[in-house]
Amino acid sequence: MYPFFRSYLFRLDPETAHVFTLNLLRITSAIPPLNWIISLSLRSPSKPVAAFGLNFKNPVGLAAGYDKDAVALRGLAALGFGHLEVGTITPLPQTGNPRPRLFRLVEDEAVINHMGFPGRGSEFVQKRLNINLRSGWVERFIGFAPRRPHRRSYPLGQGTSTRLGINIGRNKNTPNEQAVFDYLELLQSFAPFADYLTINVSSPNTVGLRDLQGRAALESLLTQLHAQRLLEQKKLEKRIPLLVKLAPDLSDRELDDAVGVILGTRMDGIIATNTTLERPGLRSNNRGESGGLSGGPLRAQSEAVLQKVVRRVKGEIPVVSVGGIMTPDDAKRRFDMGATLIQLYTGLVYRGPGLVKDIVRAL
């Protein structure tokens, strides 16, 4: 059915289509029997995997960027993901970059986004997560609920639950010299809810953000976040895994420096990669738009970075692969290269939600 549905979605402006599908999932999530039917239709075999001290029902997750404000968690969980990554969340609400800022490259099965972390801010997302918490009885339909604040975090239903990751970043107007305060605030705010948190220092759409991937800046940031993480773990009596999301555009030396800092500051994992500023052999008329490129053209670059990161970490921490995963074969190749988990986004735009089930069944 998805090719038929997609033909109508692609008649809409890309951002309008995104909002439409997100609202559709939000509506279905508010109707438990309907959400349950969707969950049944997209159910796939259990393929459990362990990472960061957590058990995942399968290794396929939703990448950050789709549900920035946690408005459709139960609807998204019904699609069969092993984990959902919300965000990127900033401390204060912000509108992001001017529209148009999202472009389809249909001929290339790609997307360019220049969003710039639009979102309603930390306070709004915390309220959304508390709403999900209060309606936790729905978890018996789909096995999902945010973790209860100030309680230990246990898998729901013997590992059948959908794990929740929260991706955090600084506000546009926060200078890099003060960025640590944004990240510390977000860590404290979302540690009670999250199964893990992702430190986003790699989006190309917030001016200067990628400078935080440099050795000195990254070491300062992650050292302070690790210290705060230890305090939160003691207070909440639960582990709080911290992951770092890296760009695909780093040179070999920059990548080696970043991975070294991540290992040295006792982070729990790496997500490779974010979107790219490169434009490899694109055919679409939209190829000249500014922003981060995702989808099929990112495949080779993301795989190359994955291989380098896996070699560098030597099994010390898990690596999550994202970028250019459009088919089950793409996913299998990432696992063969050493990825522990994968995440999807643009592949869903072109293949539909059935891609999750197709990948899990192929593993």
Protein backbone atom coordinates (compact mmCIF):
# COMPACT_ATOMS: atom_id res chain seq x y z
CA MET A 1 0.00 0.00 0.00
CA TYR A 2 2.83 2.42 0.71
CA PRO A 3 3.71 3.22 -2.95
CA PHE A 4 0.09 4.34 -3.42
CA PHE A 5 0.17 6.41 -0.23
CA ARG A 6 3.56 7.86 -1.15
CA SER A 7 2.30 9.09 -4.53
CA TYR A 8 -0.07 11.41 -2.67
CA LEU A 9 2.43 12.39 0.02
CA PHE A 10 4.97 13.41 -2.62
CA ARG A 11 2.48 15.88 -4.06
CA LEU A 12 2.81 17.83 -0.82
CA ASP A 13 5.64 20.11 0.19
CA PRO A 14 8.14 17.84 2.05
CA GLU A 15 7.75 19.58 5.40
CA THR A 16 3.96 19.58 5.08
CA ALA A 17 4.05 15.86 4.30
CA HIS A 18 6.27 15.27 7.33
CA VAL A 19 3.89 17.13 9.64
CA PHE A 20 0.93 15.26 8.14
CA THR A 21 2.42 11.81 8.77
CA LEU A 22 3.56 12.77 12.27
CA ASN A 23 0.07 14.01 13.13
CA LEU A 24 -1.45 10.86 11.66
CA LEU A 25 0.73 8.76 13.96
CA ARG A 26 -0.16 11.04 16.87
CA ILE A 27 -3.86 10.45 16.20
CA THR A 28 -3.50 6.67 15.87
CA SER A 29 -1.47 6.60 19.08
CA ALA A 30 -4.44 8.14 20.90
CA ILE A 31 -6.69 5.24 19.80
CA PRO A 32 -5.28 2.12 21.50
CA PRO A 33 -7.25 -0.48 19.49
CA LEU A 34 -6.15 1.12 16.20
CA ASN A 35 -2.59 1.36 17.41
CA TRP A 36 -2.73 -2.29 18.38
CA ILE A 37 -3.97 -3.30 14.92
CA ILE A 38 -1.13 -1.36 13.29
CA SER A 39 1.32 -3.01 15.65
CA LEU A 40 0.00 -6.47 14.75
CA SER A 41 0.23 -5.79 11.01
CA LEU A 42 3.87 -4.67 11.30
CA ARG A 43 4.99 -7.17 13.91
CA SER A 44 8.28 -8.88 13.19
CA PRO A 45 10.19 -11.72 14.89
CA SER A 46 12.04 -10.89 18.07
CA LYS A 47 15.73 -10.31 17.38
CA PRO A 48 17.05 -9.18 20.77
CA VAL A 49 20.37 -7.40 21.09
CA ALA A 50 22.23 -5.87 24.04
CA ALA A 51 23.98 -2.50 23.93
CA PHE A 52 24.98 0.17 26.48
CA GLY A 53 23.75 -2.13 29.27
CA LEU A 54 20.25 -2.22 27.73
CA ASN A 55 18.26 -4.97 26.06
CA PHE A 56 16.62 -4.07 22.74
CA LYS A 57 13.86 -6.22 21.21
CA ASN A 58 15.48 -5.71 17.80
CA PRO A 59 18.42 -3.65 16.50
CA VAL A 60 16.41 -1.31 14.22
CA GLY A 61 15.69 2.19 15.51
CA LEU A 62 14.24 5.49 14.36
CA ALA A 63 16.86 8.21 13.93
CA ALA A 64 16.52 11.60 15.58
CA GLY A 65 14.79 14.30 13.57
CA TYR A 66 11.45 12.68 12.84
CA ASP A 67 9.66 13.25 16.14
CA LYS A 68 11.45 16.28 17.52
CA ASP A 69 8.94 17.00 20.29
CA ALA A 70 7.83 13.50 21.37
CA VAL A 71 4.28 13.94 20.10
CA ALA A 72 3.77 10.51 18.49
CA LEU A 73 5.80 8.03 20.52
CA ARG A 74 3.18 5.31 20.85
CA GLY A 75 2.26 5.57 17.17
CA LEU A 76 5.91 5.25 16.18
CA ALA A 77 6.50 2.36 18.58
CA ALA A 78 3.67 0.47 16.87
CA LEU A 79 5.73 0.43 13.65
CA GLY A 80 8.03 -2.16 15.18
CA PHE A 81 11.16 -0.20 16.07
CA GLY A 82 13.45 -1.51 18.77
CA HIS A 83 14.18 2.05 19.84
CA LEU A 84 13.06 5.59 19.09
CA GLU A 85 15.36 8.60 19.27
CA VAL A 86 13.49 11.83 20.03
CA GLY A 87 14.87 15.26 19.19
CA THR A 88 17.07 17.08 18.64
CA ILE A 89 15.79 18.90 21.75
CA THR A 90 17.13 22.32 22.77
CA PRO A 91 16.63 24.03 26.14
CA LEU A 92 14.52 26.87 24.70
CA PRO A 93 11.95 26.73 21.90
CA GLN A 94 13.21 27.89 18.53
CA THR A 95 11.74 28.15 15.05
CA GLY A 96 14.75 26.84 13.18
CA ASN A 97 15.84 28.12 9.79
CA PRO A 98 13.47 29.86 7.35
CA ARG A 99 11.30 27.73 5.04
CA PRO A 100 11.66 26.08 2.61
CA ARG A 101 14.23 24.00 4.47
CA LEU A 102 13.40 20.43 3.49
CA PHE A 103 13.87 19.12 -0.06
CA ARG A 104 13.24 15.77 -1.73
CA LEU A 105 15.69 14.50 -4.31
CA VAL A 106 13.46 11.80 -5.76
CA GLU A 107 15.81 10.78 -8.57
CA ASP A 108 18.50 10.13 -5.95
CA GLU A 109 16.24 8.71 -3.21
CA ALA A 110 17.61 11.40 -0.95
CA VAL A 111 16.60 14.36 1.21
CA ILE A 112 18.36 17.64 1.98
CA ASN A 113 17.35 19.32 5.22
CA HIS A 114 18.29 22.73 6.55
CA MET A 115 15.98 22.59 9.55
CA GLY A 116 18.23 24.03 12.27
CA PHE A 117 16.75 22.25 15.33
CA PRO A 118 13.19 23.62 15.19
CA GLY A 119 11.29 22.54 18.27
CA ARG A 120 9.16 23.52 21.23
CA GLY A 121 11.96 23.19 23.72
CA SER A 122 12.80 21.13 26.76
CA GLU A 123 9.84 22.09 28.94
CA PHE A 124 7.29 21.08 26.28
CA VAL A 125 8.94 17.69 25.68
CA GLN A 126 9.09 16.95 29.40
CA LYS A 127 5.35 17.60 29.58
CA ARG A 128 4.77 15.29 26.62
CA LEU A 129 6.76 12.52 28.29
CA ASN A 130 4.82 12.98 31.51
CA ILE A 131 1.56 12.68 29.55
CA ASN A 132 2.79 9.36 28.15
CA LEU A 133 3.75 8.35 31.66
CA ARG A 134 0.28 9.07 33.05
CA SER A 135 -1.33 7.03 30.27
CA GLY A 136 1.09 4.15 30.77
CA TRP A 137 -1.73 1.60 30.66
CA VAL A 138 -1.43 1.77 26.88
CA GLU A 139 1.88 -0.06 27.09
CA ARG A 140 0.04 -3.36 27.30
CA PHE A 141 -1.00 -2.81 23.68
CA ILE A 142 2.43 -1.96 22.26
CA GLY A 143 4.95 -2.35 25.08
CA PHE A 144 6.12 1.25 25.28
CA ALA A 145 6.25 3.92 27.97
CA PRO A 146 8.90 6.43 29.03
CA ARG A 147 10.83 5.48 32.13
CA ARG A 148 9.42 6.67 35.42
CA PRO A 149 11.37 9.55 36.97
CA HIS A 150 13.46 8.68 40.03
CA ARG A 151 12.92 4.95 39.54
CA ARG A 152 15.14 2.22 38.20
CA SER A 153 14.63 1.59 34.51
CA TYR A 154 13.56 -1.94 33.63
CA PRO A 155 12.56 -3.40 30.24
CA LEU A 156 8.80 -3.77 29.94
CA GLY A 157 7.42 -7.20 29.13
CA GLN A 158 10.70 -9.12 29.31
CA GLY A 159 12.54 -7.09 26.72
CA THR A 160 9.58 -6.42 24.40
CA SER A 161 9.44 -2.69 25.02
CA THR A 162 10.61 0.03 22.66
CA ARG A 163 13.60 1.85 24.10
CA LEU A 164 13.64 5.63 24.26
CA GLY A 165 16.67 7.70 23.28
CA ILE A 166 16.77 11.47 23.61
CA ASN A 167 18.97 13.54 21.31
CA ILE A 168 20.09 16.90 22.75
CA GLY A 169 21.74 20.00 21.27
CA ARG A 170 22.45 23.61 22.02
CA ASN A 171 20.21 26.51 21.07
CA LYS A 172 21.13 28.46 17.95
CA ASN A 173 21.94 31.61 19.94
CA THR A 174 24.12 29.85 22.50
CA PRO A 175 27.81 30.40 21.69
CA ASN A 176 30.00 27.31 21.71
CA GLU A 177 31.88 28.68 24.74
CA GLN A 178 28.63 28.35 26.72
CA ALA A 179 27.20 25.27 24.97
CA VAL A 180 28.07 23.00 27.88
CA PHE A 181 25.42 24.72 30.00
CA ASP A 182 22.72 23.83 27.46
CA TYR A 183 23.83 20.21 27.36
CA LEU A 184 24.09 19.96 31.16
CA GLU A 185 20.60 21.37 31.58
CA LEU A 186 19.18 18.90 29.07
CA LEU A 187 21.03 15.97 30.64
CA GLN A 188 19.53 16.76 34.04
CA SER A 189 16.05 17.30 32.58
CA PHE A 190 15.86 14.09 30.54
CA ALA A 191 17.94 11.61 32.51
CA PRO A 192 14.82 10.47 34.41
CA PHE A 193 12.98 9.64 31.16
CA ALA A 194 15.59 8.35 28.76
CA ASP A 195 17.04 4.90 28.27
CA TYR A 196 20.00 6.72 26.72
CA LEU A 197 20.93 10.25 25.64
CA THR A 198 22.71 11.31 22.46
CA ILE A 199 25.01 14.32 22.40
CA ASN A 200 24.48 15.97 19.01
CA VAL A 201 27.55 17.96 18.00
CA SER A 202 27.36 17.11 14.31
CA SER A 203 24.34 18.77 12.71
CA PRO A 204 25.45 20.94 9.78
CA ASN A 205 22.44 23.26 10.15
CA THR A 206 23.35 25.12 13.35
CA VAL A 207 26.21 27.52 12.70
CA GLY A 208 29.39 26.49 14.50
CA LEU A 209 27.96 23.37 16.11
CA ARG A 210 30.34 21.01 14.33
CA ASP A 211 33.27 22.88 15.85
CA LEU A 212 32.39 21.07 19.08
CA GLN A 213 33.75 17.88 17.46
CA GLY A 214 37.31 19.26 17.70
CA ARG A 215 39.53 17.52 20.25
CA ALA A 216 39.78 20.28 22.87
CA ALA A 217 36.14 21.41 22.67
CA LEU A 218 34.78 17.86 22.65
CA GLU A 219 36.96 16.75 25.55
CA SER A 220 35.84 19.70 27.68
CA LEU A 221 32.18 19.11 26.85
CA LEU A 222 32.15 15.35 27.38
CA THR A 223 34.24 15.48 30.55
CA GLN A 224 31.69 17.78 32.19
CA LEU A 225 28.75 15.75 30.91
CA HIS A 226 30.27 12.54 32.28
CA ALA A 227 30.74 14.15 35.71
CA GLN A 228 27.10 15.30 35.71
CA ARG A 229 25.98 11.89 34.48
CA LEU A 230 27.59 10.25 37.52
CA LEU A 231 25.64 12.56 39.83
CA GLU A 232 22.37 11.84 38.02
CA GLN A 233 22.97 8.09 38.12
CA LYS A 234 23.47 8.20 41.86
CA LYS A 235 20.34 10.30 42.35
CA LEU A 236 18.12 8.24 40.04
CA GLU A 237 19.64 4.86 40.85
CA LYS A 238 19.87 3.90 37.17
CA ARG A 239 22.47 3.83 34.41
CA ILE A 240 22.39 6.76 31.99
CA PRO A 241 24.23 5.79 28.80
CA LEU A 242 25.65 8.72 26.83
CA LEU A 243 26.23 8.43 23.08
CA VAL A 244 27.90 10.91 20.73
CA LYS A 245 26.69 11.48 17.16
CA LEU A 246 29.44 12.30 14.65
CA ALA A 247 29.45 13.86 11.20
CA PRO A 248 30.48 11.92 8.08
CA ASP A 249 32.57 14.86 6.84
CA LEU A 250 35.41 14.61 9.35
CA SER A 251 38.91 14.00 8.02
CA ASP A 252 40.66 10.82 9.16
CA ARG A 253 42.65 12.80 11.71
CA GLU A 254 39.56 14.63 13.01
CA LEU A 255 37.65 11.35 13.27
CA ASP A 256 40.53 9.70 15.10
CA ASP A 257 40.70 12.63 17.54
CA ALA A 258 36.94 12.56 18.16
CA VAL A 259 36.81 8.80 18.74
CA GLY A 260 39.81 9.03 21.05
CA VAL A 261 38.10 11.69 23.15
CA ILE A 262 34.86 9.70 23.26
CA LEU A 263 36.70 6.65 24.56
CA GLY A 264 38.79 8.71 26.97
CA THR A 265 35.78 10.42 28.53
CA ARG A 266 33.97 7.10 29.09
CA MET A 267 31.08 7.62 26.74
CA ASP A 268 28.94 4.55 26.05
CA GLY A 269 28.58 4.58 22.28
CA ILE A 270 28.97 6.37 18.96
CA ILE A 271 26.32 7.10 16.35
CA ALA A 272 27.83 7.27 12.87
CA THR A 273 26.75 9.30 11.03
CA ASN A 274 24.78 12.52 10.78
CA THR A 275 23.93 14.07 7.39
CA THR A 276 26.63 15.24 4.97
CA LEU A 277 27.51 18.52 3.28
CA GLU A 278 28.99 16.59 0.34
CA ARG A 279 26.99 16.25 -2.90
CA PRO A 280 28.18 12.96 -4.45
CA GLY A 281 26.92 12.53 -8.02
CA LEU A 282 23.40 13.84 -7.51
CA ARG A 283 20.93 14.13 -10.40
CA SER A 284 18.03 16.03 -8.83
CA ASN A 285 17.41 19.70 -9.56
CA ASN A 286 17.43 20.22 -5.79
CA ARG A 287 21.05 19.10 -5.43
CA GLY A 288 22.25 22.68 -4.93
CA GLU A 289 20.13 23.35 -1.85
CA SER A 290 22.02 24.02 1.37
CA GLY A 291 21.82 21.67 4.31
CA GLY A 292 22.57 18.09 5.25
CA LEU A 293 22.11 15.33 2.67
CA SER A 294 20.65 11.97 3.70
CA GLY A 295 19.43 8.86 1.88
CA GLY A 296 20.97 6.67 -0.79
CA PRO A 297 23.85 8.97 -1.77
CA LEU A 298 25.12 8.94 1.83
CA ARG A 299 25.44 5.14 1.82
CA ALA A 300 29.09 4.80 0.78
CA GLN A 301 30.29 7.66 2.98
CA SER A 302 28.44 6.40 6.05
CA GLU A 303 29.77 2.88 5.52
CA ALA A 304 33.32 4.16 5.20
CA VAL A 305 33.05 6.10 8.47
CA LEU A 306 31.46 3.11 10.19
CA GLN A 307 34.37 0.88 9.22
CA LYS A 308 36.90 3.43 10.51
CA VAL A 309 35.06 3.91 13.80
CA VAL A 310 34.66 0.18 14.39
CA ARG A 311 38.39 -0.35 13.80
CA ARG A 312 39.24 2.50 16.16
CA VAL A 313 36.98 1.49 19.09
CA LYS A 314 38.13 -2.17 18.94
CA GLY A 315 34.95 -3.39 20.58
CA GLU A 316 35.25 -1.11 23.60
CA ILE A 317 31.88 0.52 22.96
CA PRO A 318 28.98 -0.21 20.57
CA VAL A 319 28.56 1.69 17.32
CA VAL A 320 25.16 2.69 15.92
CA SER A 321 25.06 3.06 12.14
CA VAL A 322 22.76 5.51 10.38
CA GLY A 323 22.81 7.10 6.94
CA GLY A 324 21.85 5.64 3.58
CA ILE A 325 20.14 2.49 4.89
CA MET A 326 17.44 2.01 2.27
CA THR A 327 17.04 -1.80 2.03
CA PRO A 328 17.47 -4.94 4.16
CA ASP A 329 20.72 -5.64 2.31
CA ASP A 330 22.03 -2.21 3.34
CA ALA A 331 21.17 -3.03 6.94
CA LYS A 332 22.78 -6.48 6.86
CA ARG A 333 25.96 -4.96 5.46
CA ARG A 334 26.15 -2.50 8.39
CA PHE A 335 25.91 -5.35 10.88
CA ASP A 336 28.55 -7.29 8.99
CA MET A 337 30.78 -4.21 9.27
CA GLY A 338 30.42 -4.21 13.05
CA ALA A 339 27.39 -2.04 13.86
CA THR A 340 25.45 -3.13 16.95
CA LEU A 341 22.31 -1.12 16.14
CA ILE A 342 21.08 0.80 13.10
CA GLN A 343 18.72 3.74 12.67
CA LEU A 344 16.42 4.68 9.80
CA TYR A 345 14.92 7.92 8.56
CA THR A 346 15.12 8.71 4.84
CA GLY A 347 14.70 5.02 3.98
CA LEU A 348 11.24 5.24 5.56
CA VAL A 349 10.36 8.19 3.31
CA TYR A 350 11.03 6.15 0.17
CA ARG A 351 10.21 2.61 1.36
CA GLY A 352 7.59 3.15 4.04
CA PRO A 353 7.20 1.76 7.57
CA GLY A 354 7.28 -1.83 6.30
CA LEU A 355 11.04 -1.39 5.93
CA VAL A 356 11.45 -2.00 9.68
CA LYS A 357 9.79 -5.42 9.50
CA ASP A 358 11.61 -6.30 6.27
CA ILE A 359 14.99 -5.59 7.87
CA VAL A 360 14.28 -7.49 11.09
CA ARG A 361 13.02 -10.51 9.18
CA ALA A 362 16.11 -10.50 6.97
CA LEU A 363 18.54 -10.62 9.90
